Amino acid sequence: MSLSYSQLSTYRHCPKQYEYMSIKKVPRRISSGESFGSSIHNTLRRWGELEMLGQATTPLKNQLKLFAEHEQESVKQRPLELNTLLTMFRECFIAEGYESRAAMDNALMRGEKLMQTFFVWWKKEERTVITIESGFKLNIERENAAALVLSGRYDRIERTEKGLWIIDYKTSEPRSQESVDSDLQLSIYALAAEQEWNQPIDRLSLLFLSEEGVTELSTTRNASELQNAVATIRLLNGGIEAKDFTATPTREKCAYCPYREICPARAT
């Protein structure tokens, strides 16, 4: 069986939302938050690939591949300067999902400020990027069944003196350190990276971008924590295979659910 991390996360959030999205495939509009998040991620993907294009540590064949991929996007070898990053954001900005022109303009201005704070964070140290926005497939063994293949995508991985540094971008409010220490997504990144690269994981970080600055919350995972993550993945997948799509409504969840208008279980 194959499953994406996004599907797994949706099921964990609310099984009924997963059913509407992945089983019944009910069409929905893109939200302003999704649109803005995609604009930020697309920008930082291009920025990271520009970094790799100029790195002496990036193999020549990978440099040529990156150059060829962006030949038509007019990215090429631009200077790694703030103006380049801001230009990339304007080029990557997605106008869909906003209720008004004013809301879209506010998002554009907010995004430019986030790029400025990201640039300040980025300039603080020398960086060696080994992959940007690359997909992965994590094999989870199961008893008496074929392995579960869980797919996902890393935002950014850098190499440090101690190993791999896995970074995930967020445009939401910063979470608690306790939440980051138990974050399933970061555990999946660690499992997938160990399986793919067979190298030590130095640390895993959530990078919260805001107009005030970048909040970097880092964590690690030991063998026991990774085993617990695998158990959680198997449990969630078991619920999907059993077709247990019981809603888990709360006012906060339902207020932002794209299927709230058609869901009979929604909290009011």
C-alpha atoms as a PDB file:
ATOM      1  CA  MET A   1       0.000   0.000   0.000  1.00  0.00           C
ATOM      2  CA  SER A   2       1.162   3.533  -0.776  1.00  0.00           C
ATOM      3  CA  LEU A   3       0.296   6.593   1.278  1.00  0.00           C
ATOM      4  CA  SER A   4       1.561  10.168   1.316  1.00  0.00           C
ATOM      5  CA  TYR A   5       2.504  11.959   4.516  1.00  0.00           C
ATOM      6  CA  SER A   6      -0.147  14.555   3.685  1.00  0.00           C
ATOM      7  CA  GLN A   7      -2.823  11.838   3.605  1.00  0.00           C
ATOM      8  CA  LEU A   8      -1.563  10.328   6.853  1.00  0.00           C
ATOM      9  CA  SER A   9      -1.554  13.750   8.513  1.00  0.00           C
ATOM     10  CA  THR A  10      -5.083  14.490   7.302  1.00  0.00           C
ATOM     11  CA  TYR A  11      -6.349  11.165   8.655  1.00  0.00           C
ATOM     12  CA  ARG A  12      -4.700  11.851  12.001  1.00  0.00           C
ATOM     13  CA  HIS A  13      -6.301  15.306  12.088  1.00  0.00           C
ATOM     14  CA  CYS A  14      -9.774  14.009  11.197  1.00  0.00           C
ATOM     15  CA  PRO A  15     -10.617  10.676   9.523  1.00  0.00           C
ATOM     16  CA  LYS A  16     -13.775  12.146   8.002  1.00  0.00           C
ATOM     17  CA  GLN A  17     -11.773  14.900   6.297  1.00  0.00           C
ATOM     18  CA  TYR A  18      -9.476  12.203   4.897  1.00  0.00           C
ATOM     19  CA  GLU A  19     -12.499  10.346   3.543  1.00  0.00           C
ATOM     20  CA  TYR A  20     -13.839  13.440   1.773  1.00  0.00           C
ATOM     21  CA  MET A  21     -10.413  14.308   0.378  1.00  0.00           C
ATOM     22  CA  SER A  22      -8.816  10.973  -0.543  1.00  0.00           C
ATOM     23  CA  ILE A  23     -11.671   8.463  -0.829  1.00  0.00           C
ATOM     24  CA  LYS A  24     -14.640  10.459  -2.102  1.00  0.00           C
ATOM     25  CA  LYS A  25     -12.344  13.060  -3.717  1.00  0.00           C
ATOM     26  CA  VAL A  26     -14.778  15.905  -3.106  1.00  0.00           C
ATOM     27  CA  PRO A  27     -13.520  19.015  -4.958  1.00  0.00           C
ATOM     28  CA  ARG A  28     -12.566  21.990  -2.833  1.00  0.00           C
ATOM     29  CA  ARG A  29     -11.158  25.460  -3.238  1.00  0.00           C
ATOM     30  CA  ILE A  30      -7.590  26.252  -2.310  1.00  0.00           C
ATOM     31  CA  SER A  31      -7.480  28.321   0.877  1.00  0.00           C
ATOM     32  CA  SER A  32      -5.540  31.543   1.281  1.00  0.00           C
ATOM     33  CA  GLY A  33      -3.278  29.797   3.811  1.00  0.00           C
ATOM     34  CA  GLU A  34      -2.471  26.986   1.374  1.00  0.00           C
ATOM     35  CA  SER A  35      -1.868  29.488  -1.413  1.00  0.00           C
ATOM     36  CA  PHE A  36       0.464  31.584   0.734  1.00  0.00           C
ATOM     37  CA  GLY A  37       2.336  28.539   2.023  1.00  0.00           C
ATOM     38  CA  SER A  38       2.886  27.288  -1.531  1.00  0.00           C
ATOM     39  CA  SER A  39       4.189  30.716  -2.573  1.00  0.00           C
ATOM     40  CA  ILE A  40       6.748  30.651   0.255  1.00  0.00           C
ATOM     41  CA  HIS A  41       7.814  27.052  -0.366  1.00  0.00           C
ATOM     42  CA  ASN A  42       8.172  27.557  -4.126  1.00  0.00           C
ATOM     43  CA  THR A  43      10.327  30.626  -3.529  1.00  0.00           C
ATOM     44  CA  LEU A  44      12.622  28.900  -1.045  1.00  0.00           C
ATOM     45  CA  ARG A  45      12.883  25.891  -3.358  1.00  0.00           C
ATOM     46  CA  ARG A  46      14.228  28.097  -6.133  1.00  0.00           C
ATOM     47  CA  TRP A  47      16.515  29.918  -3.700  1.00  0.00           C
ATOM     48  CA  GLY A  48      17.916  26.642  -2.384  1.00  0.00           C
ATOM     49  CA  GLU A  49      18.492  25.309  -5.875  1.00  0.00           C
ATOM     50  CA  LEU A  50      20.314  28.536  -6.699  1.00  0.00           C
ATOM     51  CA  GLU A  51      22.540  27.889  -3.675  1.00  0.00           C
ATOM     52  CA  MET A  52      23.276  24.374  -4.900  1.00  0.00           C
ATOM     53  CA  LEU A  53      23.994  25.620  -8.397  1.00  0.00           C
ATOM     54  CA  GLY A  54      26.870  27.708  -7.066  1.00  0.00           C
ATOM     55  CA  GLN A  55      28.257  25.237  -4.517  1.00  0.00           C
ATOM     56  CA  ALA A  56      31.625  23.687  -5.229  1.00  0.00           C
ATOM     57  CA  THR A  57      30.399  20.659  -3.259  1.00  0.00           C
ATOM     58  CA  THR A  58      27.466  20.066  -5.608  1.00  0.00           C
ATOM     59  CA  PRO A  59      28.468  17.440  -8.213  1.00  0.00           C
ATOM     60  CA  LEU A  60      28.836  18.878 -11.717  1.00  0.00           C
ATOM     61  CA  LYS A  61      26.098  16.631 -13.142  1.00  0.00           C
ATOM     62  CA  ASN A  62      23.691  17.959 -10.484  1.00  0.00           C
ATOM     63  CA  GLN A  63      24.679  21.553 -11.270  1.00  0.00           C
ATOM     64  CA  LEU A  64      23.989  20.950 -14.972  1.00  0.00           C
ATOM     65  CA  LYS A  65      20.657  19.321 -14.125  1.00  0.00           C
ATOM     66  CA  LEU A  66      19.600  22.282 -11.968  1.00  0.00           C
ATOM     67  CA  PHE A  67      20.722  24.730 -14.643  1.00  0.00           C
ATOM     68  CA  ALA A  68      18.739  22.879 -17.327  1.00  0.00           C
ATOM     69  CA  GLU A  69      15.626  22.704 -15.134  1.00  0.00           C
ATOM     70  CA  HIS A  70      15.629  26.461 -14.600  1.00  0.00           C
ATOM     71  CA  GLU A  71      16.728  27.585 -18.057  1.00  0.00           C
ATOM     72  CA  GLN A  72      13.129  28.383 -18.968  1.00  0.00           C
ATOM     73  CA  GLU A  73      12.358  29.954 -15.567  1.00  0.00           C
ATOM     74  CA  SER A  74      15.046  32.607 -16.079  1.00  0.00           C
ATOM     75  CA  VAL A  75      16.610  31.647 -12.740  1.00  0.00           C
ATOM     76  CA  LYS A  76      20.063  30.700 -14.008  1.00  0.00           C
ATOM     77  CA  GLN A  77      22.973  31.850 -11.861  1.00  0.00           C
ATOM     78  CA  ARG A  78      21.605  34.927 -10.129  1.00  0.00           C
ATOM     79  CA  PRO A  79      23.500  36.477  -7.218  1.00  0.00           C
ATOM     80  CA  LEU A  80      22.545  35.223  -3.744  1.00  0.00           C
ATOM     81  CA  GLU A  81      21.290  38.620  -2.609  1.00  0.00           C
ATOM     82  CA  LEU A  82      18.132  39.855  -0.893  1.00  0.00           C
ATOM     83  CA  ASN A  83      16.867  41.502  -4.084  1.00  0.00           C
ATOM     84  CA  THR A  84      17.140  38.144  -5.866  1.00  0.00           C
ATOM     85  CA  LEU A  85      15.098  36.456  -3.131  1.00  0.00           C
ATOM     86  CA  LEU A  86      12.422  39.173  -3.225  1.00  0.00           C
ATOM     87  CA  THR A  87      12.210  38.950  -7.013  1.00  0.00           C
ATOM     88  CA  MET A  88      11.818  35.182  -6.776  1.00  0.00           C
ATOM     89  CA  PHE A  89       8.974  35.590  -4.287  1.00  0.00           C
ATOM     90  CA  ARG A  90       7.110  37.969  -6.589  1.00  0.00           C
ATOM     91  CA  GLU A  91       7.595  35.512  -9.458  1.00  0.00           C
ATOM     92  CA  CYS A  92       6.383  32.585  -7.335  1.00  0.00           C
ATOM     93  CA  PHE A  93       3.454  34.354  -5.672  1.00  0.00           C
ATOM     94  CA  ILE A  94       0.149  32.527  -6.207  1.00  0.00           C
ATOM     95  CA  ALA A  95      -2.853  34.845  -6.412  1.00  0.00           C
ATOM     96  CA  GLU A  96      -5.504  32.138  -5.914  1.00  0.00           C
ATOM     97  CA  GLY A  97      -7.489  31.616  -2.719  1.00  0.00           C
ATOM     98  CA  TYR A  98      -7.829  35.197  -1.515  1.00  0.00           C
ATOM     99  CA  GLU A  99     -11.241  36.733  -0.892  1.00  0.00           C
ATOM    100  CA  SER A 100     -10.274  40.173  -2.169  1.00  0.00           C
ATOM    101  CA  ARG A 101      -7.548  42.127  -3.914  1.00  0.00           C
ATOM    102  CA  ALA A 102      -6.742  43.804  -0.600  1.00  0.00           C
ATOM    103  CA  ALA A 103      -6.215  40.414   1.083  1.00  0.00           C
ATOM    104  CA  MET A 104      -3.954  39.335  -1.773  1.00  0.00           C
ATOM    105  CA  ASP A 105      -1.917  42.562  -1.573  1.00  0.00           C
ATOM    106  CA  ASN A 106      -1.519  42.124   2.191  1.00  0.00           C
ATOM    107  CA  ALA A 107      -0.272  38.566   1.644  1.00  0.00           C
ATOM    108  CA  LEU A 108       2.212  39.794  -0.950  1.00  0.00           C
ATOM    109  CA  MET A 109       3.581  42.407   1.462  1.00  0.00           C
ATOM    110  CA  ARG A 110       3.702  39.895   4.301  1.00  0.00           C
ATOM    111  CA  GLY A 111       5.583  37.430   2.125  1.00  0.00           C
ATOM    112  CA  GLU A 112       8.183  40.039   1.216  1.00  0.00           C
ATOM    113  CA  LYS A 113       8.762  40.708   4.921  1.00  0.00           C
ATOM    114  CA  LEU A 114       9.114  36.977   5.573  1.00  0.00           C
ATOM    115  CA  MET A 115      11.725  36.749   2.833  1.00  0.00           C
ATOM    116  CA  GLN A 116      13.655  39.571   4.474  1.00  0.00           C
ATOM    117  CA  THR A 117      13.686  37.804   7.847  1.00  0.00           C
ATOM    118  CA  PHE A 118      14.606  34.502   6.184  1.00  0.00           C
ATOM    119  CA  PHE A 119      17.537  36.204   4.449  1.00  0.00           C
ATOM    120  CA  VAL A 120      18.822  37.529   7.799  1.00  0.00           C
ATOM    121  CA  TRP A 121      18.653  33.981   9.220  1.00  0.00           C
ATOM    122  CA  TRP A 122      20.262  32.477   6.115  1.00  0.00           C
ATOM    123  CA  LYS A 123      23.242  34.871   6.149  1.00  0.00           C
ATOM    124  CA  LYS A 124      24.269  34.005   9.690  1.00  0.00           C
ATOM    125  CA  GLU A 125      26.469  31.051   8.693  1.00  0.00           C
ATOM    126  CA  GLU A 126      28.071  29.211   5.813  1.00  0.00           C
ATOM    127  CA  ARG A 127      25.772  26.506   4.477  1.00  0.00           C
ATOM    128  CA  THR A 128      26.180  23.309   2.491  1.00  0.00           C
ATOM    129  CA  VAL A 129      22.850  22.304   0.963  1.00  0.00           C
ATOM    130  CA  ILE A 130      22.535  18.700  -0.185  1.00  0.00           C
ATOM    131  CA  THR A 131      18.903  18.648  -1.298  1.00  0.00           C
ATOM    132  CA  ILE A 132      15.933  20.975  -1.720  1.00  0.00           C
ATOM    133  CA  GLU A 133      12.262  19.973  -2.043  1.00  0.00           C
ATOM    134  CA  SER A 134      13.199  16.390  -2.862  1.00  0.00           C
ATOM    135  CA  GLY A 135      10.766  13.527  -2.550  1.00  0.00           C
ATOM    136  CA  PHE A 136      11.304  10.397  -0.501  1.00  0.00           C
ATOM    137  CA  LYS A 137       9.722   6.977  -0.058  1.00  0.00           C
ATOM    138  CA  LEU A 138       9.858   5.355   3.360  1.00  0.00           C
ATOM    139  CA  ASN A 139       9.266   1.603   3.608  1.00  0.00           C
ATOM    140  CA  ILE A 140       7.428   0.527   6.758  1.00  0.00           C
ATOM    141  CA  GLU A 141       7.467  -3.230   7.287  1.00  0.00           C
ATOM    142  CA  ARG A 142       4.215  -4.894   8.383  1.00  0.00           C
ATOM    143  CA  GLU A 143       3.410  -8.387   9.636  1.00  0.00           C
ATOM    144  CA  ASN A 144       1.581 -10.625   7.162  1.00  0.00           C
ATOM    145  CA  ALA A 145       1.299  -7.813   4.615  1.00  0.00           C
ATOM    146  CA  ALA A 146       3.354  -6.005   2.033  1.00  0.00           C
ATOM    147  CA  ALA A 147       5.388  -3.064   3.266  1.00  0.00           C
ATOM    148  CA  LEU A 148       3.650   0.294   3.547  1.00  0.00           C
ATOM    149  CA  VAL A 149       5.326   2.860   1.287  1.00  0.00           C
ATOM    150  CA  LEU A 150       5.019   6.325   2.802  1.00  0.00           C
ATOM    151  CA  SER A 151       5.948   9.193   0.487  1.00  0.00           C
ATOM    152  CA  GLY A 152       6.777  12.761   1.363  1.00  0.00           C
ATOM    153  CA  ARG A 153       9.055  15.665   0.586  1.00  0.00           C
ATOM    154  CA  TYR A 154      11.896  17.376   2.437  1.00  0.00           C
ATOM    155  CA  ASP A 155      11.942  21.177   2.344  1.00  0.00           C
ATOM    156  CA  ARG A 156      15.694  21.481   2.868  1.00  0.00           C
ATOM    157  CA  ILE A 157      18.609  19.369   4.069  1.00  0.00           C
ATOM    158  CA  GLU A 158      22.024  20.800   4.910  1.00  0.00           C
ATOM    159  CA  ARG A 159      25.208  18.968   5.822  1.00  0.00           C
ATOM    160  CA  THR A 160      26.917  19.869   9.094  1.00  0.00           C
ATOM    161  CA  GLU A 161      30.073  18.573  10.762  1.00  0.00           C
ATOM    162  CA  LYS A 162      27.905  16.110  12.720  1.00  0.00           C
ATOM    163  CA  GLY A 163      25.670  14.847   9.917  1.00  0.00           C
ATOM    164  CA  LEU A 164      22.424  15.869   8.228  1.00  0.00           C
ATOM    165  CA  TRP A 165      20.347  18.860   9.274  1.00  0.00           C
ATOM    166  CA  ILE A 166      16.736  18.481   8.129  1.00  0.00           C
ATOM    167  CA  ILE A 167      14.753  21.737   7.937  1.00  0.00           C
ATOM    168  CA  ASP A 168      11.023  22.225   7.447  1.00  0.00           C
ATOM    169  CA  TYR A 169       9.526  25.663   6.780  1.00  0.00           C
ATOM    170  CA  LYS A 170       6.412  26.885   8.584  1.00  0.00           C
ATOM    171  CA  THR A 171       4.403  30.102   8.179  1.00  0.00           C
ATOM    172  CA  SER A 172       2.215  29.402  11.226  1.00  0.00           C
ATOM    173  CA  GLU A 173       2.760  30.578  14.797  1.00  0.00           C
ATOM    174  CA  PRO A 174       5.716  28.913  16.576  1.00  0.00           C
ATOM    175  CA  ARG A 175       4.856  25.813  18.579  1.00  0.00           C
ATOM    176  CA  SER A 176       6.191  24.635  21.915  1.00  0.00           C
ATOM    177  CA  GLN A 177       9.453  22.733  22.179  1.00  0.00           C
ATOM    178  CA  GLU A 178       7.492  19.788  23.594  1.00  0.00           C
ATOM    179  CA  SER A 179       5.340  19.730  20.457  1.00  0.00           C
ATOM    180  CA  VAL A 180       8.406  19.782  18.215  1.00  0.00           C
ATOM    181  CA  ASP A 181      10.049  16.988  20.220  1.00  0.00           C
ATOM    182  CA  SER A 182       7.040  14.738  19.537  1.00  0.00           C
ATOM    183  CA  ASP A 183       6.296  15.897  15.978  1.00  0.00           C
ATOM    184  CA  LEU A 184       5.470  12.900  13.761  1.00  0.00           C
ATOM    185  CA  GLN A 185       6.481  14.648  10.545  1.00  0.00           C
ATOM    186  CA  LEU A 186      10.021  15.228  11.820  1.00  0.00           C
ATOM    187  CA  SER A 187      10.231  11.601  12.953  1.00  0.00           C
ATOM    188  CA  ILE A 188       9.240  10.489   9.452  1.00  0.00           C
ATOM    189  CA  TYR A 189      11.921  12.749   7.970  1.00  0.00           C
ATOM    190  CA  ALA A 190      14.516  11.162  10.255  1.00  0.00           C
ATOM    191  CA  LEU A 191      13.408   7.625   9.348  1.00  0.00           C
ATOM    192  CA  ALA A 192      13.414   8.376   5.628  1.00  0.00           C
ATOM    193  CA  ALA A 193      16.780  10.152   5.676  1.00  0.00           C
ATOM    194  CA  GLU A 194      18.447   7.325   7.593  1.00  0.00           C
ATOM    195  CA  GLN A 195      16.975   4.818   5.140  1.00  0.00           C
ATOM    196  CA  GLU A 196      18.075   6.819   2.091  1.00  0.00           C
ATOM    197  CA  TRP A 197      21.466   8.217   3.099  1.00  0.00           C
ATOM    198  CA  ASN A 198      22.555   5.938   5.947  1.00  0.00           C
ATOM    199  CA  GLN A 199      24.163   8.925   7.668  1.00  0.00           C
ATOM    200  CA  PRO A 200      23.725  10.303  11.193  1.00  0.00           C
ATOM    201  CA  ILE A 201      21.027  12.937  11.676  1.00  0.00           C
ATOM    202  CA  ASP A 202      22.553  15.937  13.442  1.00  0.00           C
ATOM    203  CA  ARG A 203      19.218  17.636  14.115  1.00  0.00           C
ATOM    204  CA  LEU A 204      15.711  18.266  12.818  1.00  0.00           C
ATOM    205  CA  SER A 205      14.338  21.803  12.769  1.00  0.00           C
ATOM    206  CA  LEU A 206      11.064  23.583  12.217  1.00  0.00           C
ATOM    207  CA  LEU A 207      11.752  27.055  10.850  1.00  0.00           C
ATOM    208  CA  PHE A 208       8.874  29.385  11.715  1.00  0.00           C
ATOM    209  CA  LEU A 209       8.933  32.445   9.452  1.00  0.00           C
ATOM    210  CA  SER A 210       7.325  35.650  10.694  1.00  0.00           C
ATOM    211  CA  GLU A 211       7.591  39.375  10.082  1.00  0.00           C
ATOM    212  CA  GLU A 212       9.409  39.757  13.416  1.00  0.00           C
ATOM    213  CA  GLY A 213      12.047  37.167  12.597  1.00  0.00           C
ATOM    214  CA  VAL A 214      12.751  33.458  12.247  1.00  0.00           C
ATOM    215  CA  THR A 215      12.117  31.098  15.155  1.00  0.00           C
ATOM    216  CA  GLU A 216      14.211  27.958  14.817  1.00  0.00           C
ATOM    217  CA  LEU A 217      13.073  25.052  16.987  1.00  0.00           C
ATOM    218  CA  SER A 218      15.346  22.023  16.782  1.00  0.00           C
ATOM    219  CA  THR A 219      15.109  18.487  18.082  1.00  0.00           C
ATOM    220  CA  THR A 220      16.634  15.030  17.706  1.00  0.00           C
ATOM    221  CA  ARG A 221      15.303  11.477  17.635  1.00  0.00           C
ATOM    222  CA  ASN A 222      16.647   8.360  19.340  1.00  0.00           C
ATOM    223  CA  ALA A 223      15.962   4.761  18.333  1.00  0.00           C
ATOM    224  CA  SER A 224      13.090   4.373  20.800  1.00  0.00           C
ATOM    225  CA  GLU A 225      11.355   7.521  19.549  1.00  0.00           C
ATOM    226  CA  LEU A 226      11.676   6.359  15.956  1.00  0.00           C
ATOM    227  CA  GLN A 227      10.192   2.980  16.876  1.00  0.00           C
ATOM    228  CA  ASN A 228       7.246   4.783  18.481  1.00  0.00           C
ATOM    229  CA  ALA A 229       6.781   6.802  15.286  1.00  0.00           C
ATOM    230  CA  VAL A 230       6.684   3.599  13.221  1.00  0.00           C
ATOM    231  CA  ALA A 231       4.047   2.197  15.599  1.00  0.00           C
ATOM    232  CA  THR A 232       1.958   5.365  15.165  1.00  0.00           C
ATOM    233  CA  ILE A 233       2.218   5.141  11.376  1.00  0.00           C
ATOM    234  CA  ARG A 234       1.080   1.507  11.439  1.00  0.00           C
ATOM    235  CA  LEU A 235      -1.833   2.382  13.739  1.00  0.00           C
ATOM    236  CA  LEU A 236      -3.042   5.223  11.511  1.00  0.00           C
ATOM    237  CA  ASN A 237      -2.667   3.115   8.390  1.00  0.00           C
ATOM    238  CA  GLY A 238      -4.628   0.347  10.102  1.00  0.00           C
ATOM    239  CA  GLY A 239      -7.512   2.749  10.636  1.00  0.00           C
ATOM    240  CA  ILE A 240      -7.458   3.718   6.967  1.00  0.00           C
ATOM    241  CA  GLU A 241      -7.425   0.095   5.824  1.00  0.00           C
ATOM    242  CA  ALA A 242     -10.294  -0.684   8.216  1.00  0.00           C
ATOM    243  CA  LYS A 243     -12.239   2.223   6.665  1.00  0.00           C
ATOM    244  CA  ASP A 244     -12.678   3.878  10.053  1.00  0.00           C
ATOM    245  CA  PHE A 245     -13.599   7.397   8.980  1.00  0.00           C
ATOM    246  CA  THR A 246     -15.264   8.527  12.191  1.00  0.00           C
ATOM    247  CA  ALA A 247     -15.178  12.315  12.470  1.00  0.00           C
ATOM    248  CA  THR A 248     -13.306  13.945  15.363  1.00  0.00           C
ATOM    249  CA  PRO A 249     -14.972  17.369  15.366  1.00  0.00           C
ATOM    250  CA  THR A 250     -13.936  20.377  17.420  1.00  0.00           C
ATOM    251  CA  ARG A 251     -14.875  23.996  16.829  1.00  0.00           C
ATOM    252  CA  GLU A 252     -11.298  24.889  15.927  1.00  0.00           C
ATOM    253  CA  LYS A 253     -10.887  22.005  13.469  1.00  0.00           C
ATOM    254  CA  CYS A 254     -14.246  22.476  11.810  1.00  0.00           C
ATOM    255  CA  ALA A 255     -13.880  26.243  11.441  1.00  0.00           C
ATOM    256  CA  TYR A 256     -11.035  25.738   8.960  1.00  0.00           C
ATOM    257  CA  CYS A 257     -12.164  22.486   7.339  1.00  0.00           C
ATOM    258  CA  PRO A 258     -12.802  22.798   3.576  1.00  0.00           C
ATOM    259  CA  TYR A 259     -15.686  20.300   3.913  1.00  0.00           C
ATOM    260  CA  ARG A 260     -17.493  21.936   6.844  1.00  0.00           C
ATOM    261  CA  GLU A 261     -20.512  22.858   4.709  1.00  0.00           C
ATOM    262  CA  ILE A 262     -21.248  19.242   3.751  1.00  0.00           C
ATOM    263  CA  CYS A 263     -20.131  17.392   6.887  1.00  0.00           C
ATOM    264  CA  PRO A 264     -23.037  16.367   9.166  1.00  0.00           C
ATOM    265  CA  ALA A 265     -20.640  15.838  12.087  1.00  0.00           C
ATOM    266  CA  ARG A 266     -19.237  19.377  12.101  1.00  0.00           C
ATOM    267  CA  ALA A 267     -19.014  21.217  15.400  1.00  0.00           C
ATOM    268  CA  THR A 268     -21.084  24.404  15.580  1.00  0.00           C
END
